């Protein structure tokens, strides 16, 4: 996880501890609670597996050099490397980068909004597992993705199901229902809100698909930027 501004250290610590527990085989629930009370629940163990149901379509589309933004413990980055494809993962979490490297992934502790290797030359960019929410400003994140991509590059993003609504702002991250939370700027984008958002960032929706209950889209740089 990362943001245009510094991530709250307390939220990052919650995330780091959840990944460390999950990597050791323990159940590691995380709850993201928006200011409206809306909750998103995940188990960090799903990110630590070698494969998450729904990953196949993402991996199939990344046929060239790929930047995995918010790579977590490196599931997708490592899978691409096993397929013989160039890939780099970035994450602001020290635990995530350590775990990614331990599974053989190439990963750097970096903020997506900071200077990065290969800017303007990446053939593919991944925003999976809810990472379109990074920083709490999806339009700013997609504009940054456009800067990172080659002119003919593609961004493959995971979105929420249509009809669920989108939101952006300050949420709280919890390590369980009864655990204290820490503030985190985050967002969620529903599939039916993505087209307008992408256009505002100078991108166009090239394709959409679903797999194993997950929703995805491929975006490409467009000539009708903001």
C-alpha atoms as a PDB file:
ATOM      1  CA  UNK A   1       0.000   0.000   0.000  1.00  0.00           C
ATOM      2  CA  UNK A   2       1.153   3.521  -0.699  1.00  0.00           C
ATOM      3  CA  UNK A   3      -0.130   7.037  -1.168  1.00  0.00           C
ATOM      4  CA  UNK A   4       0.797  10.421  -2.659  1.00  0.00           C
ATOM      5  CA  UNK A   5       1.522  11.464   0.936  1.00  0.00           C
ATOM      6  CA  UNK A   6       3.306   9.423   3.591  1.00  0.00           C
ATOM      7  CA  UNK A   7       1.302   6.395   4.702  1.00  0.00           C
ATOM      8  CA  UNK A   8       0.303   6.457   8.360  1.00  0.00           C
ATOM      9  CA  UNK A   9       2.989   4.385  10.126  1.00  0.00           C
ATOM     10  CA  UNK A  10       0.347   2.717  12.308  1.00  0.00           C
ATOM     11  CA  UNK A  11      -1.614   1.492   9.266  1.00  0.00           C
ATOM     12  CA  UNK A  12       1.573   0.241   7.629  1.00  0.00           C
ATOM     13  CA  UNK A  13       2.477  -1.611  10.832  1.00  0.00           C
ATOM     14  CA  UNK A  14      -0.928  -3.345  10.864  1.00  0.00           C
ATOM     15  CA  UNK A  15      -0.408  -4.412   7.258  1.00  0.00           C
ATOM     16  CA  UNK A  16       3.151  -5.610   7.901  1.00  0.00           C
ATOM     17  CA  UNK A  17       2.086  -7.709  10.885  1.00  0.00           C
ATOM     18  CA  UNK A  18      -0.797  -9.259   8.939  1.00  0.00           C
ATOM     19  CA  UNK A  19       1.513 -10.296   6.102  1.00  0.00           C
ATOM     20  CA  UNK A  20       4.062 -11.731   8.510  1.00  0.00           C
ATOM     21  CA  UNK A  21       1.387 -13.788  10.289  1.00  0.00           C
ATOM     22  CA  UNK A  22      -0.097 -14.969   7.003  1.00  0.00           C
ATOM     23  CA  UNK A  23       3.282 -16.035   5.665  1.00  0.00           C
ATOM     24  CA  UNK A  24       3.702 -18.167   8.806  1.00  0.00           C
ATOM     25  CA  UNK A  25       0.387 -19.901   8.093  1.00  0.00           C
ATOM     26  CA  UNK A  26      -1.779 -18.044  10.613  1.00  0.00           C
ATOM     27  CA  UNK A  27      -5.179 -16.584   9.802  1.00  0.00           C
ATOM     28  CA  UNK A  28      -4.662 -12.851   9.250  1.00  0.00           C
ATOM     29  CA  UNK A  29      -7.913 -10.927   8.766  1.00  0.00           C
ATOM     30  CA  UNK A  30      -7.839  -7.292   7.698  1.00  0.00           C
ATOM     31  CA  UNK A  31     -10.826  -4.969   7.706  1.00  0.00           C
ATOM     32  CA  UNK A  32     -10.938  -1.676   5.815  1.00  0.00           C
ATOM     33  CA  UNK A  33     -13.709   0.496   7.237  1.00  0.00           C
ATOM     34  CA  UNK A  34     -14.791   3.599   5.346  1.00  0.00           C
ATOM     35  CA  UNK A  35     -16.122   6.702   7.058  1.00  0.00           C
ATOM     36  CA  UNK A  36     -19.644   5.644   6.078  1.00  0.00           C
ATOM     37  CA  UNK A  37     -19.182   2.406   8.020  1.00  0.00           C
ATOM     38  CA  UNK A  38     -18.835   0.310   4.855  1.00  0.00           C
ATOM     39  CA  UNK A  39     -16.413  -2.567   5.413  1.00  0.00           C
ATOM     40  CA  UNK A  40     -14.171  -4.596   3.133  1.00  0.00           C
ATOM     41  CA  UNK A  41     -12.754  -7.763   4.655  1.00  0.00           C
ATOM     42  CA  UNK A  42      -9.850  -9.819   3.375  1.00  0.00           C
ATOM     43  CA  UNK A  43      -7.448 -12.397   4.717  1.00  0.00           C
ATOM     44  CA  UNK A  44      -3.825 -11.567   4.018  1.00  0.00           C
ATOM     45  CA  UNK A  45      -3.237 -15.272   3.466  1.00  0.00           C
ATOM     46  CA  UNK A  46      -4.870 -14.959   0.027  1.00  0.00           C
ATOM     47  CA  UNK A  47      -2.043 -12.643  -1.033  1.00  0.00           C
ATOM     48  CA  UNK A  48       0.608 -15.029   0.291  1.00  0.00           C
ATOM     49  CA  UNK A  49      -0.573 -18.031  -1.739  1.00  0.00           C
ATOM     50  CA  UNK A  50       1.232 -18.911  -4.966  1.00  0.00           C
ATOM     51  CA  UNK A  51      -2.016 -18.463  -6.899  1.00  0.00           C
ATOM     52  CA  UNK A  52      -5.278 -16.694  -6.181  1.00  0.00           C
ATOM     53  CA  UNK A  53      -8.359 -17.756  -8.171  1.00  0.00           C
ATOM     54  CA  UNK A  54      -8.773 -15.182 -10.915  1.00  0.00           C
ATOM     55  CA  UNK A  55      -5.053 -14.524 -11.452  1.00  0.00           C
ATOM     56  CA  UNK A  56      -4.813 -16.426 -14.736  1.00  0.00           C
ATOM     57  CA  UNK A  57      -6.270 -13.723 -16.970  1.00  0.00           C
ATOM     58  CA  UNK A  58      -3.972 -11.090 -15.509  1.00  0.00           C
ATOM     59  CA  UNK A  59      -0.890 -13.224 -16.023  1.00  0.00           C
ATOM     60  CA  UNK A  60      -1.880 -14.171 -19.573  1.00  0.00           C
ATOM     61  CA  UNK A  61      -2.118 -10.499 -20.557  1.00  0.00           C
ATOM     62  CA  UNK A  62       1.332  -9.545 -19.251  1.00  0.00           C
ATOM     63  CA  UNK A  63       3.508 -10.686 -22.156  1.00  0.00           C
ATOM     64  CA  UNK A  64       6.192  -8.034 -21.766  1.00  0.00           C
ATOM     65  CA  UNK A  65       8.050  -6.148 -19.030  1.00  0.00           C
ATOM     66  CA  UNK A  66       5.577  -5.678 -16.173  1.00  0.00           C
ATOM     67  CA  UNK A  67       5.497  -3.391 -13.145  1.00  0.00           C
ATOM     68  CA  UNK A  68       3.411  -4.841 -10.295  1.00  0.00           C
ATOM     69  CA  UNK A  69       2.302  -1.848  -8.219  1.00  0.00           C
ATOM     70  CA  UNK A  70       1.585  -2.703  -4.595  1.00  0.00           C
ATOM     71  CA  UNK A  71       3.015  -6.173  -5.148  1.00  0.00           C
ATOM     72  CA  UNK A  72       2.527  -7.309  -1.555  1.00  0.00           C
ATOM     73  CA  UNK A  73       4.302 -10.617  -0.925  1.00  0.00           C
ATOM     74  CA  UNK A  74       5.026 -10.967  -4.642  1.00  0.00           C
ATOM     75  CA  UNK A  75       2.481 -13.549  -5.784  1.00  0.00           C
ATOM     76  CA  UNK A  76       1.992 -12.094  -9.268  1.00  0.00           C
ATOM     77  CA  UNK A  77       5.549 -10.850  -9.753  1.00  0.00           C
ATOM     78  CA  UNK A  78       6.971 -14.277  -8.924  1.00  0.00           C
ATOM     79  CA  UNK A  79       4.439 -16.015 -11.171  1.00  0.00           C
ATOM     80  CA  UNK A  80       5.455 -13.839 -14.127  1.00  0.00           C
ATOM     81  CA  UNK A  81       9.122 -14.553 -13.520  1.00  0.00           C
ATOM     82  CA  UNK A  82       8.390 -18.299 -13.460  1.00  0.00           C
ATOM     83  CA  UNK A  83       6.767 -17.845 -16.876  1.00  0.00           C
ATOM     84  CA  UNK A  84       9.985 -16.288 -18.167  1.00  0.00           C
ATOM     85  CA  UNK A  85       8.654 -12.719 -18.299  1.00  0.00           C
ATOM     86  CA  UNK A  86      10.425  -9.646 -16.983  1.00  0.00           C
ATOM     87  CA  UNK A  87       8.664  -8.278 -13.903  1.00  0.00           C
ATOM     88  CA  UNK A  88       9.348  -5.929 -11.005  1.00  0.00           C
ATOM     89  CA  UNK A  89       7.237  -5.525  -7.895  1.00  0.00           C
ATOM     90  CA  UNK A  90       7.110  -2.370  -5.793  1.00  0.00           C
ATOM     91  CA  UNK A  91       5.575  -1.853  -2.358  1.00  0.00           C
ATOM     92  CA  UNK A  92       6.068   0.563   0.546  1.00  0.00           C
ATOM     93  CA  UNK A  93       5.814  -2.294   3.036  1.00  0.00           C
ATOM     94  CA  UNK A  94       9.137  -3.670   4.236  1.00  0.00           C
ATOM     95  CA  UNK A  95       7.462  -6.977   5.155  1.00  0.00           C
ATOM     96  CA  UNK A  96       5.909  -7.266   1.697  1.00  0.00           C
ATOM     97  CA  UNK A  97       9.211  -6.698  -0.075  1.00  0.00           C
ATOM     98  CA  UNK A  98      11.014  -9.144   2.211  1.00  0.00           C
ATOM     99  CA  UNK A  99       8.415 -11.851   1.562  1.00  0.00           C
ATOM    100  CA  UNK A 100       8.376 -11.152  -2.184  1.00  0.00           C
ATOM    101  CA  UNK A 101      12.135 -11.545  -2.409  1.00  0.00           C
ATOM    102  CA  UNK A 102      12.013 -14.715  -0.316  1.00  0.00           C
ATOM    103  CA  UNK A 103       9.760 -16.335  -2.942  1.00  0.00           C
ATOM    104  CA  UNK A 104      12.126 -15.336  -5.737  1.00  0.00           C
ATOM    105  CA  UNK A 105      10.431 -12.161  -6.933  1.00  0.00           C
ATOM    106  CA  UNK A 106      12.355  -9.051  -7.886  1.00  0.00           C
ATOM    107  CA  UNK A 107      10.959  -6.336  -5.632  1.00  0.00           C
ATOM    108  CA  UNK A 108      11.852  -2.849  -4.422  1.00  0.00           C
ATOM    109  CA  UNK A 109      10.562  -0.854  -1.483  1.00  0.00           C
ATOM    110  CA  UNK A 110       9.215   2.110  -3.418  1.00  0.00           C
ATOM    111  CA  UNK A 111       6.246   4.487  -3.511  1.00  0.00           C
ATOM    112  CA  UNK A 112       4.551   4.464  -6.915  1.00  0.00           C
ATOM    113  CA  UNK A 113       4.515   8.276  -6.877  1.00  0.00           C
ATOM    114  CA  UNK A 114       8.287   8.479  -6.329  1.00  0.00           C
ATOM    115  CA  UNK A 115      10.925   8.106  -9.068  1.00  0.00           C
ATOM    116  CA  UNK A 116      10.946   4.535 -10.409  1.00  0.00           C
ATOM    117  CA  UNK A 117      13.116   2.578 -12.832  1.00  0.00           C
ATOM    118  CA  UNK A 118      11.808   2.280 -16.371  1.00  0.00           C
ATOM    119  CA  UNK A 119       9.464   5.262 -16.249  1.00  0.00           C
ATOM    120  CA  UNK A 120       7.697   5.603 -19.587  1.00  0.00           C
ATOM    121  CA  UNK A 121       8.927   2.212 -20.800  1.00  0.00           C
ATOM    122  CA  UNK A 122       6.829  -0.408 -18.993  1.00  0.00           C
ATOM    123  CA  UNK A 123       4.837  -2.594 -21.376  1.00  0.00           C
ATOM    124  CA  UNK A 124       2.386  -3.693 -18.700  1.00  0.00           C
ATOM    125  CA  UNK A 125       1.357  -2.459 -15.263  1.00  0.00           C
ATOM    126  CA  UNK A 126      -0.658  -4.354 -12.667  1.00  0.00           C
ATOM    127  CA  UNK A 127      -3.034  -2.912 -10.061  1.00  0.00           C
ATOM    128  CA  UNK A 128      -4.544  -6.054  -8.555  1.00  0.00           C
ATOM    129  CA  UNK A 129      -6.027  -7.013  -5.171  1.00  0.00           C
ATOM    130  CA  UNK A 130      -7.714  -3.645  -4.691  1.00  0.00           C
ATOM    131  CA  UNK A 131      -4.599  -1.581  -5.393  1.00  0.00           C
ATOM    132  CA  UNK A 132      -6.515   0.889  -7.552  1.00  0.00           C
ATOM    133  CA  UNK A 133      -7.315   2.358  -4.143  1.00  0.00           C
ATOM    134  CA  UNK A 134      -3.679   3.265  -3.390  1.00  0.00           C
ATOM    135  CA  UNK A 135      -3.440   6.821  -2.096  1.00  0.00           C
ATOM    136  CA  UNK A 136      -7.169   7.491  -1.966  1.00  0.00           C
ATOM    137  CA  UNK A 137      -7.177   9.267  -5.347  1.00  0.00           C
ATOM    138  CA  UNK A 138      -7.707   6.820  -8.238  1.00  0.00           C
ATOM    139  CA  UNK A 139      -7.508   9.545 -10.885  1.00  0.00           C
ATOM    140  CA  UNK A 140      -4.085  10.641  -9.632  1.00  0.00           C
ATOM    141  CA  UNK A 141      -2.934   7.031  -9.494  1.00  0.00           C
ATOM    142  CA  UNK A 142      -4.062   6.336 -13.059  1.00  0.00           C
ATOM    143  CA  UNK A 143      -2.327   9.497 -14.275  1.00  0.00           C
ATOM    144  CA  UNK A 144       0.841   8.210 -12.646  1.00  0.00           C
ATOM    145  CA  UNK A 145       0.332   4.845 -14.345  1.00  0.00           C
ATOM    146  CA  UNK A 146       0.084   6.598 -17.699  1.00  0.00           C
ATOM    147  CA  UNK A 147       3.447   8.250 -17.007  1.00  0.00           C
ATOM    148  CA  UNK A 148       5.015   4.887 -16.203  1.00  0.00           C
ATOM    149  CA  UNK A 149       3.663   3.077 -19.273  1.00  0.00           C
ATOM    150  CA  UNK A 150       5.187   2.995 -22.716  1.00  0.00           C
ATOM    151  CA  UNK A 151       3.084   4.624 -25.435  1.00  0.00           C
ATOM    152  CA  UNK A 152       1.827   1.189 -26.456  1.00  0.00           C
ATOM    153  CA  UNK A 153       1.659  -0.143 -22.889  1.00  0.00           C
ATOM    154  CA  UNK A 154      -1.332  -1.498 -21.022  1.00  0.00           C
ATOM    155  CA  UNK A 155      -2.513  -1.231 -17.415  1.00  0.00           C
ATOM    156  CA  UNK A 156      -4.478  -4.190 -16.045  1.00  0.00           C
ATOM    157  CA  UNK A 157      -6.588  -3.184 -13.065  1.00  0.00           C
ATOM    158  CA  UNK A 158      -8.889  -4.999 -10.677  1.00  0.00           C
ATOM    159  CA  UNK A 159     -12.134  -3.210  -9.823  1.00  0.00           C
ATOM    160  CA  UNK A 160     -15.162  -3.781  -7.634  1.00  0.00           C
ATOM    161  CA  UNK A 161     -18.310  -5.366  -9.122  1.00  0.00           C
ATOM    162  CA  UNK A 162     -20.670  -2.961 -10.892  1.00  0.00           C
ATOM    163  CA  UNK A 163     -23.505  -1.453  -8.917  1.00  0.00           C
ATOM    164  CA  UNK A 164     -21.641  -1.343  -5.634  1.00  0.00           C
ATOM    165  CA  UNK A 165     -20.639   2.296  -5.855  1.00  0.00           C
ATOM    166  CA  UNK A 166     -17.221   3.920  -5.613  1.00  0.00           C
ATOM    167  CA  UNK A 167     -15.681   5.910  -2.798  1.00  0.00           C
ATOM    168  CA  UNK A 168     -12.444   7.672  -1.907  1.00  0.00           C
ATOM    169  CA  UNK A 169     -11.178   9.211   1.298  1.00  0.00           C
ATOM    170  CA  UNK A 170      -9.835   8.319   4.713  1.00  0.00           C
ATOM    171  CA  UNK A 171     -10.682   4.848   5.977  1.00  0.00           C
ATOM    172  CA  UNK A 172      -9.387   2.899   8.953  1.00  0.00           C
ATOM    173  CA  UNK A 173      -7.466  -0.349   8.726  1.00  0.00           C
ATOM    174  CA  UNK A 174      -8.079  -2.977  11.410  1.00  0.00           C
ATOM    175  CA  UNK A 175      -6.498  -6.353  12.111  1.00  0.00           C
ATOM    176  CA  UNK A 176      -9.883  -7.735  13.155  1.00  0.00           C
ATOM    177  CA  UNK A 177     -13.352  -6.531  14.079  1.00  0.00           C
ATOM    178  CA  UNK A 178     -12.488  -5.739  17.694  1.00  0.00           C
ATOM    179  CA  UNK A 179      -9.011  -4.373  17.044  1.00  0.00           C
ATOM    180  CA  UNK A 180      -8.156  -0.655  17.045  1.00  0.00           C
ATOM    181  CA  UNK A 181      -7.734   0.860  13.603  1.00  0.00           C
ATOM    182  CA  UNK A 182      -5.338   3.276  11.963  1.00  0.00           C
ATOM    183  CA  UNK A 183      -6.178   5.900   9.301  1.00  0.00           C
ATOM    184  CA  UNK A 184      -5.412   5.135   5.683  1.00  0.00           C
ATOM    185  CA  UNK A 185      -6.206   7.103   2.537  1.00  0.00           C
ATOM    186  CA  UNK A 186      -7.855   4.598   0.217  1.00  0.00           C
ATOM    187  CA  UNK A 187     -10.478   4.207  -2.498  1.00  0.00           C
ATOM    188  CA  UNK A 188     -12.607   1.623  -4.256  1.00  0.00           C
ATOM    189  CA  UNK A 189     -13.720   1.893  -7.874  1.00  0.00           C
ATOM    190  CA  UNK A 190     -16.740   0.026  -9.205  1.00  0.00           C
ATOM    191  CA  UNK A 191     -16.533  -1.418 -12.712  1.00  0.00           C
ATOM    192  CA  UNK A 192     -19.274   0.865 -14.021  1.00  0.00           C
ATOM    193  CA  UNK A 193     -17.400   3.985 -12.860  1.00  0.00           C
ATOM    194  CA  UNK A 194     -14.056   3.075 -14.445  1.00  0.00           C
ATOM    195  CA  UNK A 195     -14.546   4.441 -17.986  1.00  0.00           C
ATOM    196  CA  UNK A 196     -15.015   8.063 -16.899  1.00  0.00           C
ATOM    197  CA  UNK A 197     -12.199   7.807 -14.388  1.00  0.00           C
ATOM    198  CA  UNK A 198      -9.819   6.354 -16.976  1.00  0.00           C
ATOM    199  CA  UNK A 199     -10.654   9.089 -19.492  1.00  0.00           C
ATOM    200  CA  UNK A 200      -9.897  11.756 -16.893  1.00  0.00           C
ATOM    201  CA  UNK A 201      -6.405  10.251 -16.606  1.00  0.00           C
ATOM    202  CA  UNK A 202      -5.807  10.067 -20.365  1.00  0.00           C
ATOM    203  CA  UNK A 203      -6.520   6.331 -20.577  1.00  0.00           C
ATOM    204  CA  UNK A 204      -9.160   4.325 -22.399  1.00  0.00           C
ATOM    205  CA  UNK A 205     -10.786   1.026 -21.525  1.00  0.00           C
ATOM    206  CA  UNK A 206      -9.682  -1.584 -24.025  1.00  0.00           C
ATOM    207  CA  UNK A 207     -11.259  -4.696 -22.501  1.00  0.00           C
ATOM    208  CA  UNK A 208     -13.093  -5.926 -19.432  1.00  0.00           C
ATOM    209  CA  UNK A 209     -13.455  -9.426 -18.053  1.00  0.00           C
ATOM    210  CA  UNK A 210     -14.457 -11.422 -15.006  1.00  0.00           C
ATOM    211  CA  UNK A 211     -12.803 -14.502 -13.552  1.00  0.00           C
ATOM    212  CA  UNK A 212     -13.622 -16.442 -10.395  1.00  0.00           C
ATOM    213  CA  UNK A 213     -15.924 -13.678  -9.182  1.00  0.00           C
ATOM    214  CA  UNK A 214     -13.295 -10.953  -9.682  1.00  0.00           C
ATOM    215  CA  UNK A 215     -13.688  -8.002 -12.101  1.00  0.00           C
ATOM    216  CA  UNK A 216     -10.886  -6.595 -14.259  1.00  0.00           C
ATOM    217  CA  UNK A 217     -10.184  -4.126 -17.047  1.00  0.00           C
ATOM    218  CA  UNK A 218      -7.316  -3.364 -19.407  1.00  0.00           C
ATOM    219  CA  UNK A 219      -6.577   0.326 -19.974  1.00  0.00           C
ATOM    220  CA  UNK A 220      -4.399   1.840 -22.673  1.00  0.00           C
ATOM    221  CA  UNK A 221      -3.091   5.368 -23.214  1.00  0.00           C
ATOM    222  CA  UNK A 222      -5.628   7.318 -25.220  1.00  0.00           C
ATOM    223  CA  UNK A 223      -5.393  10.353 -27.446  1.00  0.00           C
ATOM    224  CA  UNK A 224      -8.291  12.051 -25.675  1.00  0.00           C
ATOM    225  CA  UNK A 225      -6.510  12.836 -22.394  1.00  0.00           C
ATOM    226  CA  UNK A 226      -7.797  15.222 -19.744  1.00  0.00           C
END
